[in-house]
Amino acid sequence: MVSLIILIHIVLLVIGMKSFKGDKKKRERYLFLCLILFSTYMGIAEPASLPIVPLINAVDFIFEPLGRWIEKVLEI
């Protein structure tokens, strides 16, 4: 089951990366790669007994410090 989930995500990654041809789309490629990696992890977490990390925790981890930094910059 886990290998099937990984295989499906690899196929989606290859198809998606083909659509991001060109030097101007580097950021989109990296974001797509992160999304596929997170999706793959979430797909295999339960069958492989790995800890499940909800997406909202990742958003809080990234955007809360960024938001605090922006608030400090704008206060000056």
PDB file of N, CA and C in Angstrom:
ATOM      1  N   MET A   1       0.821  -1.197   0.000  1.00  0.00           N
ATOM      2  CA  MET A   1       0.000   0.000   0.000  1.00  0.00           C
ATOM      3  C   MET A   1       0.864   1.260   0.000  1.00  0.00           C
ATOM      4  N   VAL A   2       1.878   1.266   0.860  1.00  0.00           N
ATOM      5  CA  VAL A   2       2.761   2.434   0.944  1.00  0.00           C
ATOM      6  C   VAL A   2       3.510   2.630  -0.364  1.00  0.00           C
ATOM      7  N   SER A   3       3.979   1.557  -0.953  1.00  0.00           N
ATOM      8  CA  SER A   3       4.725   1.689  -2.208  1.00  0.00           C
ATOM      9  C   SER A   3       3.822   2.198  -3.336  1.00  0.00           C
ATOM     10  N   LEU A   4       2.561   1.831  -3.326  1.00  0.00           N
ATOM     11  CA  LEU A   4       1.617   2.329  -4.327  1.00  0.00           C
ATOM     12  C   LEU A   4       1.396   3.834  -4.154  1.00  0.00           C
ATOM     13  N   ILE A   5       1.258   4.281  -2.923  1.00  0.00           N
ATOM     14  CA  ILE A   5       1.094   5.718  -2.652  1.00  0.00           C
ATOM     15  C   ILE A   5       2.318   6.489  -3.130  1.00  0.00           C
ATOM     16  N   ILE A   6       3.495   5.972  -2.844  1.00  0.00           N
ATOM     17  CA  ILE A   6       4.730   6.637  -3.276  1.00  0.00           C
ATOM     18  C   ILE A   6       4.822   6.655  -4.794  1.00  0.00           C
ATOM     19  N   LEU A   7       4.475   5.558  -5.438  1.00  0.00           N
ATOM     20  CA  LEU A   7       4.515   5.490  -6.898  1.00  0.00           C
ATOM     21  C   LEU A   7       3.569   6.503  -7.529  1.00  0.00           C
ATOM     22  N   ILE A   8       2.374   6.619  -7.001  1.00  0.00           N
ATOM     23  CA  ILE A   8       1.406   7.593  -7.525  1.00  0.00           C
ATOM     24  C   ILE A   8       1.947   9.012  -7.377  1.00  0.00           C
ATOM     25  N   HIS A   9       2.551   9.310  -6.247  1.00  0.00           N
ATOM     26  CA  HIS A   9       3.095  10.657  -6.046  1.00  0.00           C
ATOM     27  C   HIS A   9       4.299  10.925  -6.941  1.00  0.00           C
ATOM     28  N   ILE A  10       5.091   9.911  -7.218  1.00  0.00           N
ATOM     29  CA  ILE A  10       6.220  10.093  -8.147  1.00  0.00           C
ATOM     30  C   ILE A  10       5.699  10.412  -9.544  1.00  0.00           C
ATOM     31  N   VAL A  11       4.666   9.709  -9.964  1.00  0.00           N
ATOM     32  CA  VAL A  11       4.069   9.979 -11.280  1.00  0.00           C
ATOM     33  C   VAL A  11       3.525  11.402 -11.327  1.00  0.00           C
ATOM     34  N   LEU A  12       2.815  11.825 -10.281  1.00  0.00           N
ATOM     35  CA  LEU A  12       2.304  13.198 -10.228  1.00  0.00           C
ATOM     36  C   LEU A  12       3.431  14.223 -10.235  1.00  0.00           C
ATOM     37  N   LEU A  13       4.522  13.915  -9.549  1.00  0.00           N
ATOM     38  CA  LEU A  13       5.679  14.820  -9.524  1.00  0.00           C
ATOM     39  C   LEU A  13       6.277  14.978 -10.912  1.00  0.00           C
ATOM     40  N   VAL A  14       6.457  13.883 -11.622  1.00  0.00           N
ATOM     41  CA  VAL A  14       7.035  13.940 -12.972  1.00  0.00           C
ATOM     42  C   VAL A  14       6.123  14.711 -13.918  1.00  0.00           C
ATOM     43  N   ILE A  15       4.832  14.439 -13.868  1.00  0.00           N
ATOM     44  CA  ILE A  15       3.887  15.153 -14.735  1.00  0.00           C
ATOM     45  C   ILE A  15       3.872  16.637 -14.395  1.00  0.00           C
ATOM     46  N   GLY A  16       3.857  16.945 -13.107  1.00  0.00           N
ATOM     47  CA  GLY A  16       3.833  18.348 -12.692  1.00  0.00           C
ATOM     48  C   GLY A  16       5.095  19.094 -13.050  1.00  0.00           C
ATOM     49  N   MET A  17       6.245  18.463 -12.889  1.00  0.00           N
ATOM     50  CA  MET A  17       7.511  19.135 -13.197  1.00  0.00           C
ATOM     51  C   MET A  17       7.646  19.438 -14.687  1.00  0.00           C
ATOM     52  N   LYS A  18       7.053  18.609 -15.525  1.00  0.00           N
ATOM     53  CA  LYS A  18       7.109  18.875 -16.963  1.00  0.00           C
ATOM     54  C   LYS A  18       6.374  20.160 -17.312  1.00  0.00           C
ATOM     55  N   SER A  19       5.348  20.495 -16.538  1.00  0.00           N
ATOM     56  CA  SER A  19       4.583  21.715 -16.832  1.00  0.00           C
ATOM     57  C   SER A  19       5.302  22.975 -16.359  1.00  0.00           C
ATOM     58  N   PHE A  20       6.355  22.832 -15.573  1.00  0.00           N
ATOM     59  CA  PHE A  20       7.092  23.986 -15.058  1.00  0.00           C
ATOM     60  C   PHE A  20       8.394  24.212 -15.818  1.00  0.00           C
ATOM     61  N   LYS A  21       8.370  24.056 -17.107  1.00  0.00           N
ATOM     62  CA  LYS A  21       9.581  24.279 -17.896  1.00  0.00           C
ATOM     63  C   LYS A  21       9.895  25.762 -17.959  1.00  0.00           C
ATOM     64  N   GLY A  22      11.181  26.079 -17.958  1.00  0.00           N
ATOM     65  CA  GLY A  22      11.606  27.469 -18.044  1.00  0.00           C
ATOM     66  C   GLY A  22      12.272  27.929 -16.757  1.00  0.00           C
ATOM     67  N   ASP A  23      13.192  28.874 -16.904  1.00  0.00           N
ATOM     68  CA  ASP A  23      13.940  29.375 -15.763  1.00  0.00           C
ATOM     69  C   ASP A  23      13.105  30.266 -14.852  1.00  0.00           C
ATOM     70  N   LYS A  24      12.046  30.855 -15.365  1.00  0.00           N
ATOM     71  CA  LYS A  24      11.266  31.799 -14.586  1.00  0.00           C
ATOM     72  C   LYS A  24      10.347  31.115 -13.581  1.00  0.00           C
ATOM     73  N   LYS A  25      10.225  29.820 -13.658  1.00  0.00           N
ATOM     74  CA  LYS A  25       9.287  29.106 -12.795  1.00  0.00           C
ATOM     75  C   LYS A  25       9.988  28.292 -11.713  1.00  0.00           C
ATOM     76  N   LYS A  26      11.152  28.727 -11.255  1.00  0.00           N
ATOM     77  CA  LYS A  26      11.880  27.989 -10.229  1.00  0.00           C
ATOM     78  C   LYS A  26      11.107  27.942  -8.918  1.00  0.00           C
ATOM     79  N   ARG A  27      10.567  29.069  -8.505  1.00  0.00           N
ATOM     80  CA  ARG A  27       9.840  29.131  -7.241  1.00  0.00           C
ATOM     81  C   ARG A  27       8.631  28.204  -7.272  1.00  0.00           C
ATOM     82  N   GLU A  28       7.914  28.208  -8.393  1.00  0.00           N
ATOM     83  CA  GLU A  28       6.751  27.342  -8.506  1.00  0.00           C
ATOM     84  C   GLU A  28       7.141  25.873  -8.448  1.00  0.00           C
ATOM     85  N   ARG A  29       8.297  25.552  -9.042  1.00  0.00           N
ATOM     86  CA  ARG A  29       8.785  24.166  -8.986  1.00  0.00           C
ATOM     87  C   ARG A  29       9.050  23.736  -7.549  1.00  0.00           C
ATOM     88  N   TYR A  30       9.720  24.610  -6.780  1.00  0.00           N
ATOM     89  CA  TYR A  30      10.037  24.276  -5.394  1.00  0.00           C
ATOM     90  C   TYR A  30       8.774  24.153  -4.545  1.00  0.00           C
ATOM     91  N   LEU A  31       7.819  25.048  -4.757  1.00  0.00           N
ATOM     92  CA  LEU A  31       6.564  24.964  -4.014  1.00  0.00           C
ATOM     93  C   LEU A  31       5.799  23.690  -4.369  1.00  0.00           C
ATOM     94  N   PHE A  32       5.782  23.340  -5.642  1.00  0.00           N
ATOM     95  CA  PHE A  32       5.118  22.109  -6.075  1.00  0.00           C
ATOM     96  C   PHE A  32       5.813  20.897  -5.467  1.00  0.00           C
ATOM     97  N   LEU A  33       7.133  20.903  -5.449  1.00  0.00           N
ATOM     98  CA  LEU A  33       7.892  19.804  -4.864  1.00  0.00           C
ATOM     99  C   LEU A  33       7.568  19.663  -3.377  1.00  0.00           C
ATOM    100  N   CYS A  34       7.519  20.783  -2.663  1.00  0.00           N
ATOM    101  CA  CYS A  34       7.176  20.731  -1.233  1.00  0.00           C
ATOM    102  C   CYS A  34       5.765  20.195  -1.027  1.00  0.00           C
ATOM    103  N   LEU A  35       4.846  20.613  -1.868  1.00  0.00           N
ATOM    104  CA  LEU A  35       3.470  20.132  -1.763  1.00  0.00           C
ATOM    105  C   LEU A  35       3.386  18.627  -2.004  1.00  0.00           C
ATOM    106  N   ILE A  36       4.096  18.149  -3.012  1.00  0.00           N
ATOM    107  CA  ILE A  36       4.099  16.706  -3.304  1.00  0.00           C
ATOM    108  C   ILE A  36       4.759  15.929  -2.167  1.00  0.00           C
ATOM    109  N   LEU A  37       5.865  16.443  -1.636  1.00  0.00           N
ATOM    110  CA  LEU A  37       6.531  15.749  -0.527  1.00  0.00           C
ATOM    111  C   LEU A  37       5.629  15.678   0.699  1.00  0.00           C
ATOM    112  N   PHE A  38       4.978  16.791   1.021  1.00  0.00           N
ATOM    113  CA  PHE A  38       4.072  16.802   2.173  1.00  0.00           C
ATOM    114  C   PHE A  38       2.896  15.854   1.939  1.00  0.00           C
ATOM    115  N   SER A  39       2.362  15.878   0.737  1.00  0.00           N
ATOM    116  CA  SER A  39       1.243  15.005   0.407  1.00  0.00           C
ATOM    117  C   SER A  39       1.658  13.526   0.489  1.00  0.00           C
ATOM    118  N   THR A  40       2.839  13.220   0.027  1.00  0.00           N
ATOM    119  CA  THR A  40       3.343  11.852   0.108  1.00  0.00           C
ATOM    120  C   THR A  40       3.496  11.417   1.559  1.00  0.00           C
ATOM    121  N   TYR A  41       4.074  12.303   2.374  1.00  0.00           N
ATOM    122  CA  TYR A  41       4.239  11.977   3.788  1.00  0.00           C
ATOM    123  C   TYR A  41       2.889  11.734   4.456  1.00  0.00           C
ATOM    124  N   MET A  42       1.924  12.612   4.182  1.00  0.00           N
ATOM    125  CA  MET A  42       0.603  12.449   4.788  1.00  0.00           C
ATOM    126  C   MET A  42      -0.075  11.168   4.295  1.00  0.00           C
ATOM    127  N   GLY A  43       0.213  10.771   3.069  1.00  0.00           N
ATOM    128  CA  GLY A  43      -0.365   9.548   2.527  1.00  0.00           C
ATOM    129  C   GLY A  43       0.205   8.290   3.148  1.00  0.00           C
ATOM    130  N   ILE A  44       1.479   8.329   3.535  1.00  0.00           N
ATOM    131  CA  ILE A  44       2.093   7.125   4.106  1.00  0.00           C
ATOM    132  C   ILE A  44       2.200   7.180   5.628  1.00  0.00           C
ATOM    133  N   ALA A  45       1.838   8.289   6.233  1.00  0.00           N
ATOM    134  CA  ALA A  45       2.008   8.430   7.687  1.00  0.00           C
ATOM    135  C   ALA A  45       1.177   7.422   8.463  1.00  0.00           C
ATOM    136  N   GLU A  46      -0.094   7.318   8.130  1.00  0.00           N
ATOM    137  CA  GLU A  46      -0.951   6.401   8.889  1.00  0.00           C
ATOM    138  C   GLU A  46      -0.604   4.931   8.631  1.00  0.00           C
ATOM    139  N   PRO A  47      -0.462   4.499   7.363  1.00  0.00           N
ATOM    140  CA  PRO A  47      -0.118   3.079   7.150  1.00  0.00           C
ATOM    141  C   PRO A  47       1.252   2.697   7.707  1.00  0.00           C
ATOM    142  N   ALA A  48       2.187   3.647   7.760  1.00  0.00           N
ATOM    143  CA  ALA A  48       3.534   3.332   8.240  1.00  0.00           C
ATOM    144  C   ALA A  48       3.708   3.685   9.714  1.00  0.00           C
ATOM    145  N   SER A  49       2.628   4.075  10.395  1.00  0.00           N
ATOM    146  CA  SER A  49       2.653   4.431  11.820  1.00  0.00           C
ATOM    147  C   SER A  49       3.614   5.581  12.116  1.00  0.00           C
ATOM    148  N   LEU A  50       3.629   6.561  11.249  1.00  0.00           N
ATOM    149  CA  LEU A  50       4.422   7.765  11.469  1.00  0.00           C
ATOM    150  C   LEU A  50       3.543   8.833  12.104  1.00  0.00           C
ATOM    151  N   PRO A  51       4.144   9.790  12.814  1.00  0.00           N
ATOM    152  CA  PRO A  51       3.311  10.853  13.394  1.00  0.00           C
ATOM    153  C   PRO A  51       2.673  11.704  12.288  1.00  0.00           C
ATOM    154  N   ILE A  52       1.400  12.019  12.468  1.00  0.00           N
ATOM    155  CA  ILE A  52       0.670  12.806  11.481  1.00  0.00           C
ATOM    156  C   ILE A  52       0.784  14.282  11.861  1.00  0.00           C
ATOM    157  N   VAL A  53       1.237  15.089  10.916  1.00  0.00           N
ATOM    158  CA  VAL A  53       1.408  16.529  11.132  1.00  0.00           C
ATOM    159  C   VAL A  53       0.383  17.248  10.272  1.00  0.00           C
ATOM    160  N   PRO A  54      -0.626  17.849  10.896  1.00  0.00           N
ATOM    161  CA  PRO A  54      -1.620  18.576  10.094  1.00  0.00           C
ATOM    162  C   PRO A  54      -0.999  19.766   9.373  1.00  0.00           C
ATOM    163  N   LEU A  55      -1.568  20.124   8.247  1.00  0.00           N
ATOM    164  CA  LEU A  55      -1.051  21.231   7.454  1.00  0.00           C
ATOM    165  C   LEU A  55      -1.095  22.542   8.226  1.00  0.00           C
ATOM    166  N   ILE A  56      -2.082  22.727   9.073  1.00  0.00           N
ATOM    167  CA  ILE A  56      -2.188  23.976   9.815  1.00  0.00           C
ATOM    168  C   ILE A  56      -0.987  24.174  10.731  1.00  0.00           C
ATOM    169  N   ASN A  57      -0.411  23.103  11.272  1.00  0.00           N
ATOM    170  CA  ASN A  57       0.788  23.238  12.095  1.00  0.00           C
ATOM    171  C   ASN A  57       1.962  23.738  11.265  1.00  0.00           C
ATOM    172  N   ALA A  58       2.073  23.257  10.035  1.00  0.00           N
ATOM    173  CA  ALA A  58       3.151  23.726   9.161  1.00  0.00           C
ATOM    174  C   ALA A  58       2.952  25.195   8.813  1.00  0.00           C
ATOM    175  N   VAL A  59       1.722  25.599   8.578  1.00  0.00           N
ATOM    176  CA  VAL A  59       1.430  26.999   8.266  1.00  0.00           C
ATOM    177  C   VAL A  59       1.758  27.879   9.460  1.00  0.00           C
ATOM    178  N   ASP A  60       1.363  27.452  10.659  1.00  0.00           N
ATOM    179  CA  ASP A  60       1.684  28.218  11.863  1.00  0.00           C
ATOM    180  C   ASP A  60       3.191  28.311  12.063  1.00  0.00           C
ATOM    181  N   PHE A  61       3.886  27.221  11.810  1.00  0.00           N
ATOM    182  CA  PHE A  61       5.333  27.189  11.999  1.00  0.00           C
ATOM    183  C   PHE A  61       6.045  28.163  11.056  1.00  0.00           C
ATOM    184  N   ILE A  62       5.538  28.306   9.840  1.00  0.00           N
ATOM    185  CA  ILE A  62       6.184  29.170   8.849  1.00  0.00           C
ATOM    186  C   ILE A  62       5.703  30.603   8.944  1.00  0.00           C
ATOM    187  N   PHE A  63       4.387  30.800   8.999  1.00  0.00           N
ATOM    188  CA  PHE A  63       3.842  32.140   8.840  1.00  0.00           C
ATOM    189  C   PHE A  63       3.749  32.957  10.122  1.00  0.00           C
ATOM    190  N   GLU A  64       3.657  32.337  11.288  1.00  0.00           N
ATOM    191  CA  GLU A  64       3.602  33.123  12.516  1.00  0.00           C
ATOM    192  C   GLU A  64       4.890  33.908  12.748  1.00  0.00           C
ATOM    193  N   PRO A  65       6.067  33.281  12.662  1.00  0.00           N
ATOM    194  CA  PRO A  65       7.291  34.082  12.827  1.00  0.00           C
ATOM    195  C   PRO A  65       7.446  35.130  11.723  1.00  0.00           C
ATOM    196  N   LEU A  66       7.057  34.778  10.515  1.00  0.00           N
ATOM    197  CA  LEU A  66       7.134  35.726   9.409  1.00  0.00           C
ATOM    198  C   LEU A  66       6.213  36.915   9.653  1.00  0.00           C
ATOM    199  N   GLY A  67       5.008  36.652  10.131  1.00  0.00           N
ATOM    200  CA  GLY A  67       4.062  37.718  10.432  1.00  0.00           C
ATOM    201  C   GLY A  67       4.559  38.627  11.546  1.00  0.00           C
ATOM    202  N   ARG A  68       5.147  38.039  12.586  1.00  0.00           N
ATOM    203  CA  ARG A  68       5.716  38.860  13.674  1.00  0.00           C
ATOM    204  C   ARG A  68       6.844  39.733  13.153  1.00  0.00           C
ATOM    205  N   TRP A  69       7.680  39.176  12.277  1.00  0.00           N
ATOM    206  CA  TRP A  69       8.786  39.950  11.718  1.00  0.00           C
ATOM    207  C   TRP A  69       8.254  41.124  10.888  1.00  0.00           C
ATOM    208  N   ILE A  70       7.234  40.874  10.060  1.00  0.00           N
ATOM    209  CA  ILE A  70       6.646  41.933   9.246  1.00  0.00           C
ATOM    210  C   ILE A  70       6.041  43.020  10.127  1.00  0.00           C
ATOM    211  N   GLU A  71       5.380  42.637  11.214  1.00  0.00           N
ATOM    212  CA  GLU A  71       4.814  43.630  12.136  1.00  0.00           C
ATOM    213  C   GLU A  71       5.913  44.506  12.722  1.00  0.00           C
ATOM    214  N   LYS A  72       7.041  43.908  13.109  1.00  0.00           N
ATOM    215  CA  LYS A  72       8.147  44.687  13.659  1.00  0.00           C
ATOM    216  C   LYS A  72       8.716  45.645  12.622  1.00  0.00           C
ATOM    217  N   VAL A  73       8.832  45.178  11.398  1.00  0.00           N
ATOM    218  CA  VAL A  73       9.389  46.018  10.339  1.00  0.00           C
ATOM    219  C   VAL A  73       8.458  47.199  10.064  1.00  0.00           C
ATOM    220  N   LEU A  74       7.156  46.957  10.052  1.00  0.00           N
ATOM    221  CA  LEU A  74       6.200  48.004   9.746  1.00  0.00           C
ATOM    222  C   LEU A  74       6.034  49.012  10.891  1.00  0.00           C
ATOM    223  N   GLU A  75       6.352  48.623  12.122  1.00  0.00           N
ATOM    224  CA  GLU A  75       6.248  49.537  13.263  1.00  0.00           C
ATOM    225  C   GLU A  75       7.314  50.621  13.224  1.00  0.00           C
ATOM    226  N   ILE A  76       8.421  50.354  12.594  1.00  0.00           N
ATOM    227  CA  ILE A  76       9.545  51.324  12.585  1.00  0.00           C
ATOM    228  C   ILE A  76       9.240  52.503  11.734  1.00  0.00           C
TER     229      ILE A  76
END
